[in-house]
C-alpha atoms as a PDB file:
ATOM      1  CA  MET A   1      -0.069   0.427   0.138  1.00  0.00           C
ATOM      2  CA  ILE A   2       1.115   3.368  -1.113  1.00  0.00           C
ATOM      3  CA  THR A   3       0.326   7.384   0.724  1.00  0.00           C
ATOM      4  CA  SER A   4      -2.628   7.671  -1.584  1.00  0.00           C
ATOM      5  CA  ASP A   5      -4.504   5.147  -0.781  1.00  0.00           C
ATOM      6  CA  ILE A   6      -5.273   5.765   3.084  1.00  0.00           C
ATOM      7  CA  MET A   7      -4.310   9.273   3.395  1.00  0.00           C
ATOM      8  CA  THR A   8      -6.726  12.159   4.316  1.00  0.00           C
ATOM      9  CA  ARG A   9      -7.936  14.236   1.041  1.00  0.00           C
ATOM     10  CA  ASP A  10      -9.812  17.045   3.164  1.00  0.00           C
ATOM     11  CA  VAL A  11      -7.282  18.670   4.216  1.00  0.00           C
ATOM     12  CA  ALA A  12      -7.310  21.560   6.563  1.00  0.00           C
ATOM     13  CA  THR A  13      -4.994  24.147   6.118  1.00  0.00           C
ATOM     14  CA  ILE A  14      -4.063  27.315   7.524  1.00  0.00           C
ATOM     15  CA  SER A  15      -2.164  30.797   6.105  1.00  0.00           C
ATOM     16  CA  VAL A  16       1.123  31.904   7.453  1.00  0.00           C
ATOM     17  CA  ASP A  17      -0.522  35.317   8.809  1.00  0.00           C
ATOM     18  CA  ALA A  18      -3.357  33.984  10.196  1.00  0.00           C
ATOM     19  CA  HIS A  19      -4.113  34.751  14.206  1.00  0.00           C
ATOM     20  CA  VAL A  20      -3.257  32.033  16.397  1.00  0.00           C
ATOM     21  CA  ARG A  21      -7.349  31.770  17.401  1.00  0.00           C
ATOM     22  CA  HIS A  22      -8.096  31.057  13.637  1.00  0.00           C
ATOM     23  CA  ALA A  23      -5.830  28.223  13.638  1.00  0.00           C
ATOM     24  CA  ILE A  24      -7.386  27.006  17.335  1.00  0.00           C
ATOM     25  CA  SER A  25     -10.678  27.297  16.000  1.00  0.00           C
ATOM     26  CA  ARG A  26      -9.870  25.356  12.800  1.00  0.00           C
ATOM     27  CA  MET A  27      -8.394  21.880  14.935  1.00  0.00           C
ATOM     28  CA  LEU A  28     -11.321  22.322  17.467  1.00  0.00           C
ATOM     29  CA  GLU A  29     -13.667  22.170  14.398  1.00  0.00           C
ATOM     30  CA  ARG A  30     -12.138  19.791  12.204  1.00  0.00           C
ATOM     31  CA  GLY A  31     -11.397  17.489  15.669  1.00  0.00           C
ATOM     32  CA  VAL A  32      -7.882  17.757  14.239  1.00  0.00           C
ATOM     33  CA  SER A  33      -4.303  18.391  16.354  1.00  0.00           C
ATOM     34  CA  GLY A  34      -2.085  20.081  13.494  1.00  0.00           C
ATOM     35  CA  LEU A  35      -2.604  21.940  10.955  1.00  0.00           C
ATOM     36  CA  PRO A  36      -0.892  22.246   7.973  1.00  0.00           C
ATOM     37  CA  VAL A  37       0.260  26.186   7.197  1.00  0.00           C
ATOM     38  CA  THR A  38       0.508  27.633   3.793  1.00  0.00           C
ATOM     39  CA  ASP A  39       1.741  30.719   1.999  1.00  0.00           C
ATOM     40  CA  SER A  40      -0.418  32.793  -0.234  1.00  0.00           C
ATOM     41  CA  ASP A  41       0.629  30.549  -3.291  1.00  0.00           C
ATOM     42  CA  GLY A  42      -0.551  27.415  -1.629  1.00  0.00           C
ATOM     43  CA  ASN A  43       3.053  26.315  -0.839  1.00  0.00           C
ATOM     44  CA  LEU A  44       3.973  24.431   2.444  1.00  0.00           C
ATOM     45  CA  VAL A  45       5.895  26.781   4.894  1.00  0.00           C
ATOM     46  CA  GLY A  46       5.483  24.422   8.286  1.00  0.00           C
ATOM     47  CA  ILE A  47       2.701  23.164  10.728  1.00  0.00           C
ATOM     48  CA  ILE A  48       1.256  23.802  13.346  1.00  0.00           C
ATOM     49  CA  THR A  49       0.093  21.626  16.528  1.00  0.00           C
ATOM     50  CA  GLU A  50      -1.730  21.153  19.892  1.00  0.00           C
ATOM     51  CA  GLY A  51       2.457  20.594  20.455  1.00  0.00           C
ATOM     52  CA  ASP A  52       2.955  24.500  19.696  1.00  0.00           C
ATOM     53  CA  LEU A  53       0.712  25.881  21.370  1.00  0.00           C
ATOM     54  CA  MET A  54       1.459  24.641  25.299  1.00  0.00           C
ATOM     55  CA  SER A  55       3.747  26.706  25.946  1.00  0.00           C
ATOM     56  CA  ARG A  56       2.111  29.762  25.845  1.00  0.00           C
ATOM     57  CA  ARG A  57       1.759  33.222  27.843  1.00  0.00           C
ATOM     58  CA  GLU A  58      -2.212  33.115  28.386  1.00  0.00           C
ATOM     59  CA  ILE A  59      -2.793  29.964  30.012  1.00  0.00           C
ATOM     60  CA  GLY A  60       0.527  30.424  31.868  1.00  0.00           C
ATOM     61  CA  THR A  61       2.937  28.318  30.485  1.00  0.00           C
ATOM     62  CA  ALA A  62       5.080  30.801  28.781  1.00  0.00           C
ATOM     63  CA  LEU A  63       9.188  29.666  29.297  1.00  0.00           C
ATOM     64  CA  LEU A  64      10.201  33.082  30.044  1.00  0.00           C
ATOM     65  CA  ASP A  65       9.651  35.090  33.884  1.00  0.00           C
ATOM     66  CA  ARG A  66       9.375  38.910  33.647  1.00  0.00           C
ATOM     67  CA  GLN A  67      13.089  39.973  33.124  1.00  0.00           C
ATOM     68  CA  ASP A  68      15.009  42.538  35.076  1.00  0.00           C
ATOM     69  CA  GLN A  69      17.795  42.693  32.531  1.00  0.00           C
ATOM     70  CA  PRO A  70      17.479  43.469  28.986  1.00  0.00           C
ATOM     71  CA  MET A  71      16.904  40.308  26.857  1.00  0.00           C
ATOM     72  CA  THR A  72      20.007  39.594  24.541  1.00  0.00           C
ATOM     73  CA  ASP A  73      19.675  35.862  23.912  1.00  0.00           C
ATOM     74  CA  GLU A  74      18.318  34.613  20.303  1.00  0.00           C
ATOM     75  CA  GLN A  75      16.993  31.465  21.674  1.00  0.00           C
ATOM     76  CA  ASP A  76      15.145  33.561  24.834  1.00  0.00           C
ATOM     77  CA  LEU A  77      13.626  35.756  22.070  1.00  0.00           C
ATOM     78  CA  ALA A  78      12.738  33.186  20.264  1.00  0.00           C
ATOM     79  CA  ASN A  79      11.276  31.924  23.054  1.00  0.00           C
ATOM     80  CA  TYR A  80       9.543  34.670  24.365  1.00  0.00           C
ATOM     81  CA  ILE A  81       8.238  35.283  20.366  1.00  0.00           C
ATOM     82  CA  HIS A  82       6.393  31.620  20.254  1.00  0.00           C
ATOM     83  CA  SER A  83       4.747  31.920  23.562  1.00  0.00           C
ATOM     84  CA  ASN A  84       3.507  35.886  22.424  1.00  0.00           C
ATOM     85  CA  SER A  85       2.690  36.252  19.051  1.00  0.00           C
ATOM     86  CA  TRP A  86      -0.513  35.468  17.597  1.00  0.00           C
ATOM     87  CA  ARG A  87       0.824  34.935  14.159  1.00  0.00           C
ATOM     88  CA  VAL A  88       0.916  32.045  12.576  1.00  0.00           C
ATOM     89  CA  GLY A  89       4.114  31.850  11.062  1.00  0.00           C
ATOM     90  CA  ASP A  90       5.569  32.642  14.085  1.00  0.00           C
ATOM     91  CA  VAL A  91       4.336  29.813  16.661  1.00  0.00           C
ATOM     92  CA  MET A  92       4.508  26.755  13.966  1.00  0.00           C
ATOM     93  CA  THR A  93       7.087  24.193  13.649  1.00  0.00           C
ATOM     94  CA  ALA A  94       8.890  25.377  10.281  1.00  0.00           C
ATOM     95  CA  LYS A  95      10.746  22.620   9.505  1.00  0.00           C
ATOM     96  CA  VAL A  96       8.293  19.449   8.535  1.00  0.00           C
ATOM     97  CA  ARG A  97       8.523  16.230   7.062  1.00  0.00           C
ATOM     98  CA  THR A  98       6.770  15.118   4.599  1.00  0.00           C
ATOM     99  CA  VAL A  99       5.900  12.838   2.355  1.00  0.00           C
ATOM    100  CA  GLU A 100       4.472  11.713  -1.594  1.00  0.00           C
ATOM    101  CA  PRO A 101       1.660  10.121  -2.739  1.00  0.00           C
ATOM    102  CA  GLY A 102       3.387   7.529  -4.214  1.00  0.00           C
ATOM    103  CA  THR A 103       5.577   6.592  -0.945  1.00  0.00           C
ATOM    104  CA  PRO A 104       5.009   3.190   0.583  1.00  0.00           C
ATOM    105  CA  LEU A 105       3.230   3.065   3.929  1.00  0.00           C
ATOM    106  CA  ILE A 106       6.434   1.002   5.262  1.00  0.00           C
ATOM    107  CA  LYS A 107       8.840   4.490   4.434  1.00  0.00           C
ATOM    108  CA  VAL A 108       5.670   6.909   6.339  1.00  0.00           C
ATOM    109  CA  ALA A 109       5.688   4.525   9.592  1.00  0.00           C
ATOM    110  CA  GLN A 110       9.694   4.872   9.452  1.00  0.00           C
ATOM    111  CA  ALA A 111       9.327   8.428   9.077  1.00  0.00           C
ATOM    112  CA  MET A 112       6.679   9.447  12.293  1.00  0.00           C
ATOM    113  CA  LEU A 113       9.044   6.515  14.179  1.00  0.00           C
ATOM    114  CA  THR A 114      12.157   8.532  13.475  1.00  0.00           C
ATOM    115  CA  PHE A 115      11.034  12.024  13.828  1.00  0.00           C
ATOM    116  CA  ASN A 116       8.676  11.141  16.071  1.00  0.00           C
ATOM    117  CA  VAL A 117       5.173  12.929  14.286  1.00  0.00           C
ATOM    118  CA  LYS A 118       1.927  11.963  14.755  1.00  0.00           C
ATOM    119  CA  ARG A 119       1.060  13.176  11.159  1.00  0.00           C
ATOM    120  CA  LEU A 120       2.640  14.200   7.510  1.00  0.00           C
ATOM    121  CA  PRO A 121       1.597  16.384   5.211  1.00  0.00           C
ATOM    122  CA  VAL A 122       1.335  14.269   1.257  1.00  0.00           C
ATOM    123  CA  ILE A 123       2.674  17.228  -1.188  1.00  0.00           C
ATOM    124  CA  SER A 124       2.290  16.473  -5.143  1.00  0.00           C
ATOM    125  CA  ASP A 125       4.106  19.630  -6.756  1.00  0.00           C
ATOM    126  CA  GLY A 126       4.548  21.878  -3.802  1.00  0.00           C
ATOM    127  CA  ALA A 127       0.626  21.330  -2.987  1.00  0.00           C
ATOM    128  CA  VAL A 128      -0.536  20.436   0.302  1.00  0.00           C
ATOM    129  CA  VAL A 129      -2.896  17.276  -1.395  1.00  0.00           C
ATOM    130  CA  GLY A 130      -3.351  15.331   1.853  1.00  0.00           C
ATOM    131  CA  ILE A 131      -2.335  14.355   5.257  1.00  0.00           C
ATOM    132  CA  VAL A 132      -1.694  11.168   6.889  1.00  0.00           C
ATOM    133  CA  SER A 133      -1.496  10.243  10.465  1.00  0.00           C
ATOM    134  CA  ARG A 134      -0.891   7.672  12.681  1.00  0.00           C
ATOM    135  CA  ARG A 135      -4.778   6.447  13.351  1.00  0.00           C
ATOM    136  CA  ASP A 136      -4.365   6.761   9.026  1.00  0.00           C
ATOM    137  CA  LEU A 137      -2.158   3.646   9.856  1.00  0.00           C
ATOM    138  CA  LEU A 138      -4.222   2.171  11.907  1.00  0.00           C
ATOM    139  CA  LYS A 139      -6.781   2.340  10.224  1.00  0.00           C
ATOM    140  CA  ALA A 140      -5.046   0.347   7.740  1.00  0.00           C
ATOM    141  CA  THR A 141      -3.981  -2.251   9.526  1.00  0.00           C
ATOM    142  CA  SER A 142      -7.508  -2.780  10.600  1.00  0.00           C
ATOM    143  CA  PHE A 143      -8.560  -3.742   7.026  1.00  0.00           C
ATOM    144  CA  SER A 144      -5.315  -4.733   5.674  1.00  0.00           C
ATOM    145  CA  GLY A 145      -4.774  -8.678   5.214  1.00  0.00           C
ATOM    146  CA  ILE A 146      -8.398  -9.874   3.760  1.00  0.00           C
ATOM    147  CA  GLU A 147      -7.431 -10.659   0.588  1.00  0.00           C
ATOM    148  CA  GLN A 148      -8.938 -13.972  -1.031  1.00  0.00           C
ATOM    149  CA  ILE A 149      -6.789 -17.042  -1.134  1.00  0.00           C
ATOM    150  CA  ALA A 150      -7.982 -20.312  -2.634  1.00  0.00           C
ATOM    151  CA  ARG A 151     -10.848 -21.671  -0.174  1.00  0.00           C
ATOM    152  CA  GLY A 152     -10.474 -24.722   1.464  1.00  0.00           C
ATOM    153  CA  ASP A 153      -7.845 -26.813   3.565  1.00  0.00           C
ATOM    154  CA  GLU A 154      -5.650 -26.606  -0.190  1.00  0.00           C
ATOM    155  CA  GLY A 155      -5.945 -23.147  -0.179  1.00  0.00           C
ATOM    156  CA  ILE A 156      -4.825 -22.312   3.464  1.00  0.00           C
ATOM    157  CA  ARG A 157      -1.868 -24.721   3.270  1.00  0.00           C
ATOM    158  CA  VAL A 158      -0.614 -23.266   0.013  1.00  0.00           C
ATOM    159  CA  ALA A 159      -0.958 -19.394   1.816  1.00  0.00           C
ATOM    160  CA  ALA A 160       0.462 -20.747   4.709  1.00  0.00           C
ATOM    161  CA  SER A 161       3.207 -22.406   3.452  1.00  0.00           C
ATOM    162  CA  ALA A 162       3.780 -19.006   1.288  1.00  0.00           C
ATOM    163  CA  ARG A 163       3.606 -16.738   3.800  1.00  0.00           C
ATOM    164  CA  ILE A 164       5.945 -19.199   6.185  1.00  0.00           C
ATOM    165  CA  ARG A 165       8.628 -19.303   3.623  1.00  0.00           C
ATOM    166  CA  ASN A 166       8.324 -15.092   2.654  1.00  0.00           C
ATOM    167  CA  ASP A 167       7.793 -13.440   5.546  1.00  0.00           C
ATOM    168  CA  LEU A 168      10.152 -16.128   8.066  1.00  0.00           C
ATOM    169  CA  GLY A 169      12.396 -17.622   5.663  1.00  0.00           C
ATOM    170  CA  PHE A 170      11.531 -21.253   6.481  1.00  0.00           C
ATOM    171  CA  GLY A 171      11.531 -23.548   4.041  1.00  0.00           C
ATOM    172  CA  PRO A 172      10.344 -27.330   3.805  1.00  0.00           C
ATOM    173  CA  GLU A 173      13.872 -28.222   5.247  1.00  0.00           C
ATOM    174  CA  LEU A 174      12.576 -26.484   7.969  1.00  0.00           C
ATOM    175  CA  LEU A 175       8.600 -27.627   8.174  1.00  0.00           C
ATOM    176  CA  GLN A 176       6.028 -29.110   6.468  1.00  0.00           C
ATOM    177  CA  VAL A 177       2.459 -27.943   6.746  1.00  0.00           C
ATOM    178  CA  ASP A 178      -1.002 -29.987   7.360  1.00  0.00           C
ATOM    179  CA  VAL A 179      -4.195 -27.848   7.622  1.00  0.00           C
ATOM    180  CA  SER A 180      -7.290 -30.234   8.646  1.00  0.00           C
ATOM    181  CA  GLU A 181     -10.741 -28.425   8.367  1.00  0.00           C
ATOM    182  CA  GLY A 182      -8.531 -24.778   8.355  1.00  0.00           C
ATOM    183  CA  THR A 183      -6.476 -26.038  12.075  1.00  0.00           C
ATOM    184  CA  VAL A 184      -3.060 -25.256  10.217  1.00  0.00           C
ATOM    185  CA  THR A 185      -0.781 -27.753  12.062  1.00  0.00           C
ATOM    186  CA  VAL A 186       3.595 -28.076  11.649  1.00  0.00           C
ATOM    187  CA  VAL A 187       5.309 -30.543  11.526  1.00  0.00           C
ATOM    188  CA  ARG A 188       9.229 -28.952  12.328  1.00  0.00           C
ATOM    189  CA  ALA A 189      12.484 -30.532  12.446  1.00  0.00           C
ATOM    190  CA  ASP A 190      13.474 -28.225  15.420  1.00  0.00           C
ATOM    191  CA  LEU A 191      11.743 -24.414  15.406  1.00  0.00           C
ATOM    192  CA  THR A 192      12.436 -22.555  19.052  1.00  0.00           C
ATOM    193  CA  GLU A 193       9.542 -21.580  20.956  1.00  0.00           C
ATOM    194  CA  LEU A 194       9.460 -17.965  19.362  1.00  0.00           C
ATOM    195  CA  GLN A 195       9.785 -19.681  15.675  1.00  0.00           C
ATOM    196  CA  LEU A 196       6.571 -21.838  16.355  1.00  0.00           C
ATOM    197  CA  ARG A 197       4.917 -18.297  17.896  1.00  0.00           C
ATOM    198  CA  ALA A 198       6.006 -16.185  14.800  1.00  0.00           C
ATOM    199  CA  VAL A 199       4.551 -19.375  12.542  1.00  0.00           C
ATOM    200  CA  GLN A 200       1.297 -18.766  14.519  1.00  0.00           C
ATOM    201  CA  CYS A 201       1.275 -14.889  13.585  1.00  0.00           C
ATOM    202  CA  VAL A 202       1.503 -16.211   9.972  1.00  0.00           C
ATOM    203  CA  VAL A 203      -1.168 -18.515  10.048  1.00  0.00           C
ATOM    204  CA  GLU A 204      -3.555 -16.178  12.852  1.00  0.00           C
ATOM    205  CA  GLY A 205      -3.135 -13.875   9.823  1.00  0.00           C
ATOM    206  CA  ILE A 206      -4.899 -16.053   6.853  1.00  0.00           C
ATOM    207  CA  PRO A 207      -8.576 -16.121   6.866  1.00  0.00           C
ATOM    208  CA  GLY A 208     -10.647 -18.374   7.930  1.00  0.00           C
ATOM    209  CA  ALA A 209      -7.419 -20.011   9.483  1.00  0.00           C
ATOM    210  CA  SER A 210      -6.481 -21.430  13.354  1.00  0.00           C
ATOM    211  CA  PHE A 211      -3.537 -22.919  14.276  1.00  0.00           C
ATOM    212  CA  SER A 212      -2.742 -25.857  16.377  1.00  0.00           C
ATOM    213  CA  GLN A 213       0.482 -27.076  17.906  1.00  0.00           C
END
């Protein structure tokens, strides 16, 4: 599967020059925790998320206290602007990880894990065409693996043998697959308990099959 198979296409975005309150209202209305931020040409320039709004003067969570001396440290100044500005462009995260409609889901998942993000804007020719979230990946997981296979015990045996070899590398030299009334058993040469559990996971992912040791 690829990104375009599962992404949300009706994407709520926000202008870089919009008011932060507008961004918050849109998040609440759409039930989302982040919005891609675009410039006047519709190009992606950042993303504003709930995390970006946790440090705010209005709720007493700003990172800086009152200053007795002139503020000169660049990071302190940046933190002040982030916590006090009402312009989305000052509050958003500017460095955004993105994917394309044709990006395989394994790369989407890897990017989310590597960069610890919950969502990735989907970009085509510089424009935002969708957004893919962890929830979208969960939905894909929920509905995957329900493809049709040959019916009956022989169909299950063929499917189980092929998947065990493909996923785990266990060929006929390590085990033989037997099926009776949909129940799969394996005749094995010498599998560890963990290897056997992995075989069980493969079998239980086949529609109509159950596993018995």
